[in-house]
């Protein structure tokens, strides 16, 4: 079985920074990609940033230049700088991997709330 454990959300003032992390553990053979999505109240879940096994990254236009995704083995990070109130959302980690007995899976973390407010 594979588990994703997220951490790092919280309340921050506009212009502030937060760092999210998501650690994947279990019988993982390989990870294709890891990423972060977010869902604000009343809105659909959207991609924030993703990173492939080869290190290629992809960002939503709204966060380019402010957010940075990185990965260390089976942990993915999202460094969020210059936060804006519109960044307020529940952030979800997403992992595409090959795991024992199941093969290809796409997993979601439990979500961590980021609130940007003065």
N, C-alpha and C. Protein backbone atom coordinates (compact mmCIF):
# COMPACT_ATOMS: atom_id res chain seq x y z
N UNK A 1 0.83 -1.19 0.00
CA UNK A 1 0.00 0.00 0.00
C UNK A 1 0.88 1.25 0.00
N UNK A 2 0.39 2.30 -0.62
CA UNK A 2 1.13 3.55 -0.72
C UNK A 2 0.37 4.64 0.02
N UNK A 3 1.10 5.44 0.74
CA UNK A 3 0.49 6.56 1.47
C UNK A 3 1.14 7.86 1.06
N UNK A 4 0.35 8.92 1.02
CA UNK A 4 0.84 10.28 0.81
C UNK A 4 0.53 11.08 2.06
N UNK A 5 1.54 11.73 2.59
CA UNK A 5 1.36 12.54 3.78
C UNK A 5 1.78 13.97 3.46
N UNK A 6 0.83 14.88 3.55
CA UNK A 6 1.07 16.28 3.26
C UNK A 6 1.28 17.07 4.54
N UNK A 7 2.03 18.16 4.41
CA UNK A 7 2.19 19.07 5.54
C UNK A 7 2.57 20.45 5.01
N UNK A 8 2.42 21.45 5.88
CA UNK A 8 2.91 22.78 5.56
C UNK A 8 1.87 23.84 5.33
N UNK A 9 0.61 23.50 5.31
CA UNK A 9 -0.40 24.53 5.10
C UNK A 9 -0.56 25.40 6.33
N UNK A 10 -1.38 26.44 6.19
CA UNK A 10 -1.63 27.33 7.31
C UNK A 10 -2.13 28.68 6.87
N UNK A 11 -2.11 29.60 7.82
CA UNK A 11 -2.56 30.98 7.58
C UNK A 11 -1.34 31.87 7.38
N UNK A 12 -1.37 32.67 6.33
CA UNK A 12 -0.25 33.57 6.05
C UNK A 12 -0.81 34.88 5.52
N UNK A 13 -0.10 35.96 5.78
CA UNK A 13 -0.53 37.27 5.28
C UNK A 13 -0.17 37.41 3.80
N UNK A 14 -0.90 38.25 3.10
CA UNK A 14 -0.54 38.52 1.69
C UNK A 14 0.91 38.96 1.59
N UNK A 15 1.58 38.41 0.57
CA UNK A 15 3.01 38.68 0.40
C UNK A 15 3.91 37.71 1.11
N UNK A 16 3.34 36.88 1.95
CA UNK A 16 4.13 35.93 2.72
C UNK A 16 4.45 34.66 1.94
N UNK A 17 5.09 33.73 2.63
CA UNK A 17 5.53 32.49 2.01
C UNK A 17 5.11 31.28 2.84
N UNK A 18 4.93 30.17 2.15
CA UNK A 18 4.69 28.88 2.78
C UNK A 18 5.39 27.82 1.94
N UNK A 19 5.73 26.72 2.59
CA UNK A 19 6.30 25.59 1.88
C UNK A 19 5.49 24.34 2.21
N UNK A 20 4.94 23.74 1.17
CA UNK A 20 4.20 22.49 1.33
C UNK A 20 5.11 21.32 1.00
N UNK A 21 4.87 20.21 1.69
CA UNK A 21 5.60 18.99 1.37
C UNK A 21 4.64 17.82 1.32
N UNK A 22 5.01 16.81 0.54
CA UNK A 22 4.20 15.61 0.39
C UNK A 22 5.14 14.43 0.25
N UNK A 23 5.08 13.52 1.19
CA UNK A 23 5.95 12.36 1.20
C UNK A 23 5.17 11.11 0.82
N UNK A 24 5.67 10.39 -0.16
CA UNK A 24 5.05 9.13 -0.59
C UNK A 24 5.84 7.98 0.01
N UNK A 25 5.13 7.02 0.58
CA UNK A 25 5.79 5.86 1.17
C UNK A 25 5.01 4.60 0.84
N UNK A 26 5.70 3.47 0.89
CA UNK A 26 5.07 2.20 0.59
C UNK A 26 5.84 1.46 -0.50
N UNK A 27 5.18 0.49 -1.12
CA UNK A 27 5.82 -0.36 -2.13
C UNK A 27 5.81 0.31 -3.50
N UNK A 28 6.62 1.35 -3.60
CA UNK A 28 6.69 2.12 -4.84
C UNK A 28 7.86 1.63 -5.68
N UNK A 29 7.59 1.23 -6.91
CA UNK A 29 8.66 0.84 -7.82
C UNK A 29 9.26 2.06 -8.50
N UNK A 30 8.40 2.92 -8.97
CA UNK A 30 8.88 4.12 -9.64
C UNK A 30 7.78 5.17 -9.64
N UNK A 31 8.21 6.42 -9.71
CA UNK A 31 7.28 7.55 -9.76
C UNK A 31 7.43 8.25 -11.09
N UNK A 32 6.32 8.39 -11.81
CA UNK A 32 6.34 9.09 -13.08
C UNK A 32 6.33 10.60 -12.90
N UNK A 33 5.44 11.05 -12.04
CA UNK A 33 5.28 12.49 -11.85
C UNK A 33 4.66 12.76 -10.49
N UNK A 34 4.96 13.94 -9.98
CA UNK A 34 4.36 14.40 -8.73
C UNK A 34 3.89 15.83 -8.95
N UNK A 35 2.83 16.19 -8.28
CA UNK A 35 2.32 17.54 -8.50
C UNK A 35 1.42 18.02 -7.39
N UNK A 36 1.01 19.26 -7.54
CA UNK A 36 0.10 19.91 -6.60
C UNK A 36 -1.09 20.48 -7.35
N UNK A 37 -2.26 20.22 -6.82
CA UNK A 37 -3.50 20.79 -7.30
C UNK A 37 -4.10 21.59 -6.15
N UNK A 38 -5.04 22.46 -6.49
CA UNK A 38 -5.75 23.19 -5.45
C UNK A 38 -7.21 23.35 -5.82
N UNK A 39 -8.01 23.49 -4.77
CA UNK A 39 -9.44 23.70 -4.97
C UNK A 39 -9.92 24.76 -4.01
N UNK A 40 -10.37 25.85 -4.56
CA UNK A 40 -10.94 26.94 -3.76
C UNK A 40 -12.44 26.71 -3.61
N UNK A 41 -13.05 27.29 -2.59
CA UNK A 41 -14.50 27.11 -2.39
C UNK A 41 -15.28 27.50 -3.63
N UNK A 42 -16.16 26.61 -4.05
CA UNK A 42 -17.02 26.89 -5.19
C UNK A 42 -16.35 26.78 -6.54
N UNK A 43 -15.08 26.33 -6.56
CA UNK A 43 -14.36 26.22 -7.82
C UNK A 43 -13.89 24.79 -8.05
N UNK A 44 -13.54 24.51 -9.30
CA UNK A 44 -13.03 23.19 -9.63
C UNK A 44 -11.57 23.06 -9.21
N UNK A 45 -11.16 21.82 -9.00
CA UNK A 45 -9.77 21.56 -8.69
C UNK A 45 -8.92 21.89 -9.93
N UNK A 46 -7.78 22.55 -9.69
CA UNK A 46 -6.93 22.94 -10.80
C UNK A 46 -5.48 22.58 -10.52
N UNK A 47 -4.74 22.34 -11.60
CA UNK A 47 -3.32 22.07 -11.48
C UNK A 47 -2.59 23.34 -11.06
N UNK A 48 -1.71 23.21 -10.08
CA UNK A 48 -0.86 24.32 -9.67
C UNK A 48 0.53 24.14 -10.27
N UNK A 49 1.12 22.97 -10.05
CA UNK A 49 2.46 22.71 -10.56
C UNK A 49 2.70 21.21 -10.56
N UNK A 50 3.55 20.76 -11.47
CA UNK A 50 3.88 19.35 -11.56
C UNK A 50 5.34 19.20 -11.96
N UNK A 51 5.91 18.05 -11.58
CA UNK A 51 7.30 17.77 -11.93
C UNK A 51 7.40 16.30 -12.32
N UNK A 52 8.06 16.03 -13.44
CA UNK A 52 8.18 14.66 -13.91
C UNK A 52 9.42 14.00 -13.31
N UNK A 53 9.55 12.71 -13.59
CA UNK A 53 10.71 11.98 -13.09
C UNK A 53 12.00 12.52 -13.69
N UNK A 54 11.89 13.14 -14.86
CA UNK A 54 13.06 13.71 -15.50
C UNK A 54 13.36 15.13 -15.07
N UNK A 55 12.52 15.67 -14.21
CA UNK A 55 12.76 17.01 -13.68
C UNK A 55 12.07 18.12 -14.45
N UNK A 56 11.28 17.77 -15.47
CA UNK A 56 10.55 18.80 -16.19
C UNK A 56 9.41 19.33 -15.32
N UNK A 57 9.20 20.63 -15.35
CA UNK A 57 8.17 21.24 -14.51
C UNK A 57 7.12 21.95 -15.36
N UNK A 58 5.95 22.08 -14.77
CA UNK A 58 4.83 22.75 -15.43
C UNK A 58 4.09 23.52 -14.36
N UNK A 59 3.75 24.78 -14.66
CA UNK A 59 3.08 25.65 -13.70
C UNK A 59 1.82 26.26 -14.29
N UNK A 60 0.85 26.48 -13.45
CA UNK A 60 -0.30 27.28 -13.85
C UNK A 60 0.18 28.71 -14.07
N UNK A 61 -0.41 29.39 -15.05
CA UNK A 61 0.00 30.76 -15.34
C UNK A 61 -0.11 31.66 -14.12
N UNK A 62 -1.09 31.40 -13.29
CA UNK A 62 -1.35 32.27 -12.15
C UNK A 62 -0.27 32.20 -11.06
N UNK A 63 0.58 31.17 -11.11
CA UNK A 63 1.59 31.02 -10.07
C UNK A 63 3.01 31.11 -10.60
N UNK A 64 3.16 31.25 -11.91
CA UNK A 64 4.50 31.33 -12.49
C UNK A 64 5.26 32.51 -11.91
N UNK A 65 6.52 32.24 -11.55
CA UNK A 65 7.35 33.29 -10.97
C UNK A 65 7.18 33.45 -9.47
N UNK A 66 6.16 32.82 -8.90
CA UNK A 66 5.93 32.93 -7.45
C UNK A 66 6.09 31.59 -6.75
N UNK A 67 5.69 30.51 -7.41
CA UNK A 67 5.75 29.17 -6.82
C UNK A 67 6.86 28.37 -7.49
N UNK A 68 7.48 27.48 -6.71
CA UNK A 68 8.51 26.60 -7.23
C UNK A 68 8.26 25.18 -6.73
N UNK A 69 8.17 24.24 -7.67
CA UNK A 69 8.01 22.84 -7.30
C UNK A 69 9.37 22.16 -7.39
N UNK A 70 9.62 21.27 -6.44
CA UNK A 70 10.86 20.50 -6.45
C UNK A 70 10.60 19.13 -5.87
N UNK A 71 11.57 18.25 -6.06
CA UNK A 71 11.37 16.87 -5.63
C UNK A 71 12.68 16.30 -5.11
N UNK A 72 12.59 15.55 -4.05
CA UNK A 72 13.74 14.84 -3.50
C UNK A 72 13.31 13.40 -3.26
N UNK A 73 13.70 12.51 -4.15
CA UNK A 73 13.29 11.10 -4.08
C UNK A 73 11.77 11.02 -4.11
N UNK A 74 11.15 10.55 -3.04
CA UNK A 74 9.70 10.36 -3.04
C UNK A 74 8.96 11.47 -2.31
N UNK A 75 9.59 12.61 -2.17
CA UNK A 75 8.95 13.76 -1.54
C UNK A 75 8.92 14.92 -2.52
N UNK A 76 7.76 15.56 -2.61
CA UNK A 76 7.62 16.72 -3.48
C UNK A 76 7.32 17.93 -2.62
N UNK A 77 7.88 19.07 -3.01
CA UNK A 77 7.73 20.32 -2.27
C UNK A 77 7.10 21.37 -3.18
N UNK A 78 6.41 22.30 -2.55
CA UNK A 78 5.90 23.47 -3.26
C UNK A 78 6.25 24.70 -2.42
N UNK A 79 7.20 25.45 -2.89
CA UNK A 79 7.58 26.71 -2.25
C UNK A 79 6.71 27.80 -2.82
N UNK A 80 5.95 28.44 -1.96
CA UNK A 80 5.00 29.46 -2.40
C UNK A 80 5.42 30.80 -1.82
N UNK A 81 5.77 31.72 -2.70
CA UNK A 81 6.18 33.07 -2.30
C UNK A 81 5.19 34.09 -2.83
N UNK A 82 5.26 35.27 -2.28
CA UNK A 82 4.38 36.37 -2.72
C UNK A 82 2.93 35.92 -2.80
N UNK A 83 2.49 35.29 -1.75
CA UNK A 83 1.13 34.74 -1.74
C UNK A 83 0.08 35.83 -1.80
N UNK A 84 -1.01 35.51 -2.49
CA UNK A 84 -2.12 36.43 -2.68
C UNK A 84 -3.38 35.81 -2.08
N UNK A 85 -4.35 36.63 -1.74
CA UNK A 85 -5.61 36.07 -1.21
C UNK A 85 -6.24 35.05 -2.16
N UNK A 86 -6.07 35.24 -3.45
CA UNK A 86 -6.66 34.30 -4.41
C UNK A 86 -5.95 32.95 -4.44
N UNK A 87 -4.84 32.82 -3.73
CA UNK A 87 -4.18 31.53 -3.59
C UNK A 87 -4.82 30.67 -2.49
N UNK A 88 -5.75 31.25 -1.78
CA UNK A 88 -6.43 30.52 -0.71
C UNK A 88 -7.19 29.33 -1.29
N UNK A 89 -6.89 28.15 -0.77
CA UNK A 89 -7.50 26.92 -1.29
C UNK A 89 -7.02 25.74 -0.46
N UNK A 90 -7.63 24.60 -0.70
CA UNK A 90 -7.08 23.35 -0.19
C UNK A 90 -6.14 22.82 -1.27
N UNK A 91 -4.92 22.54 -0.88
CA UNK A 91 -3.91 22.06 -1.81
C UNK A 91 -3.75 20.54 -1.66
N UNK A 92 -3.78 19.87 -2.79
CA UNK A 92 -3.70 18.41 -2.81
C UNK A 92 -2.44 17.95 -3.55
N UNK A 93 -1.75 17.02 -2.95
CA UNK A 93 -0.62 16.38 -3.60
C UNK A 93 -1.15 15.28 -4.52
N UNK A 94 -0.49 15.08 -5.65
CA UNK A 94 -0.88 14.06 -6.60
C UNK A 94 0.38 13.33 -7.07
N UNK A 95 0.30 12.02 -7.10
CA UNK A 95 1.46 11.21 -7.51
C UNK A 95 1.01 10.15 -8.49
N UNK A 96 1.75 10.03 -9.59
CA UNK A 96 1.55 8.96 -10.56
C UNK A 96 2.74 8.01 -10.42
N UNK A 97 2.44 6.74 -10.12
CA UNK A 97 3.53 5.82 -9.82
C UNK A 97 3.16 4.40 -10.21
N UNK A 98 4.17 3.56 -10.18
CA UNK A 98 3.98 2.12 -10.33
C UNK A 98 4.26 1.50 -8.97
N UNK A 99 3.28 0.76 -8.47
CA UNK A 99 3.42 0.17 -7.14
C UNK A 99 3.24 -1.35 -7.22
N UNK A 100 3.73 -2.03 -6.19
CA UNK A 100 3.66 -3.49 -6.15
C UNK A 100 2.21 -3.96 -6.15
N UNK A 101 1.94 -5.02 -6.86
CA UNK A 101 0.66 -5.74 -6.97
C UNK A 101 -0.41 -4.99 -7.73
N UNK A 102 -0.30 -3.68 -7.85
CA UNK A 102 -1.34 -2.88 -8.48
C UNK A 102 -0.92 -2.34 -9.84
N UNK A 103 0.34 -2.05 -9.98
CA UNK A 103 0.80 -1.45 -11.22
C UNK A 103 0.67 0.06 -11.16
N UNK A 104 0.20 0.64 -12.26
CA UNK A 104 0.09 2.10 -12.34
C UNK A 104 -1.04 2.58 -11.44
N UNK A 105 -0.74 3.62 -10.65
CA UNK A 105 -1.76 4.24 -9.81
C UNK A 105 -1.60 5.75 -9.86
N UNK A 106 -2.70 6.43 -9.60
CA UNK A 106 -2.67 7.88 -9.42
C UNK A 106 -3.27 8.15 -8.05
N UNK A 107 -2.47 8.73 -7.19
CA UNK A 107 -2.85 8.89 -5.79
C UNK A 107 -3.02 10.36 -5.43
N UNK A 108 -3.90 10.59 -4.47
CA UNK A 108 -4.15 11.94 -3.97
C UNK A 108 -3.85 12.00 -2.47
N UNK A 109 -3.27 13.11 -2.05
CA UNK A 109 -3.09 13.35 -0.63
C UNK A 109 -4.40 13.78 0.00
N UNK A 110 -4.35 13.96 1.33
CA UNK A 110 -5.57 14.30 2.06
C UNK A 110 -5.94 15.76 1.94
N UNK A 111 -5.02 16.57 1.46
CA UNK A 111 -5.28 18.00 1.31
C UNK A 111 -4.80 18.79 2.51
N UNK A 112 -4.28 19.96 2.23
CA UNK A 112 -3.84 20.86 3.29
C UNK A 112 -4.33 22.27 2.95
N UNK A 113 -4.91 22.94 3.93
CA UNK A 113 -5.53 24.24 3.71
C UNK A 113 -4.49 25.35 3.78
N UNK A 114 -4.50 26.18 2.76
CA UNK A 114 -3.69 27.39 2.72
C UNK A 114 -4.63 28.58 2.70
N UNK A 115 -4.49 29.45 3.68
CA UNK A 115 -5.32 30.64 3.78
C UNK A 115 -4.43 31.86 3.75
N UNK A 116 -4.69 32.74 2.78
CA UNK A 116 -3.91 33.97 2.65
C UNK A 116 -4.83 35.13 2.99
N UNK A 117 -4.58 35.74 4.12
CA UNK A 117 -5.46 36.79 4.61
C UNK A 117 -4.73 37.66 5.61
N UNK A 118 -5.13 38.93 5.61
CA UNK A 118 -4.56 39.86 6.59
C UNK A 118 -5.45 39.95 7.82
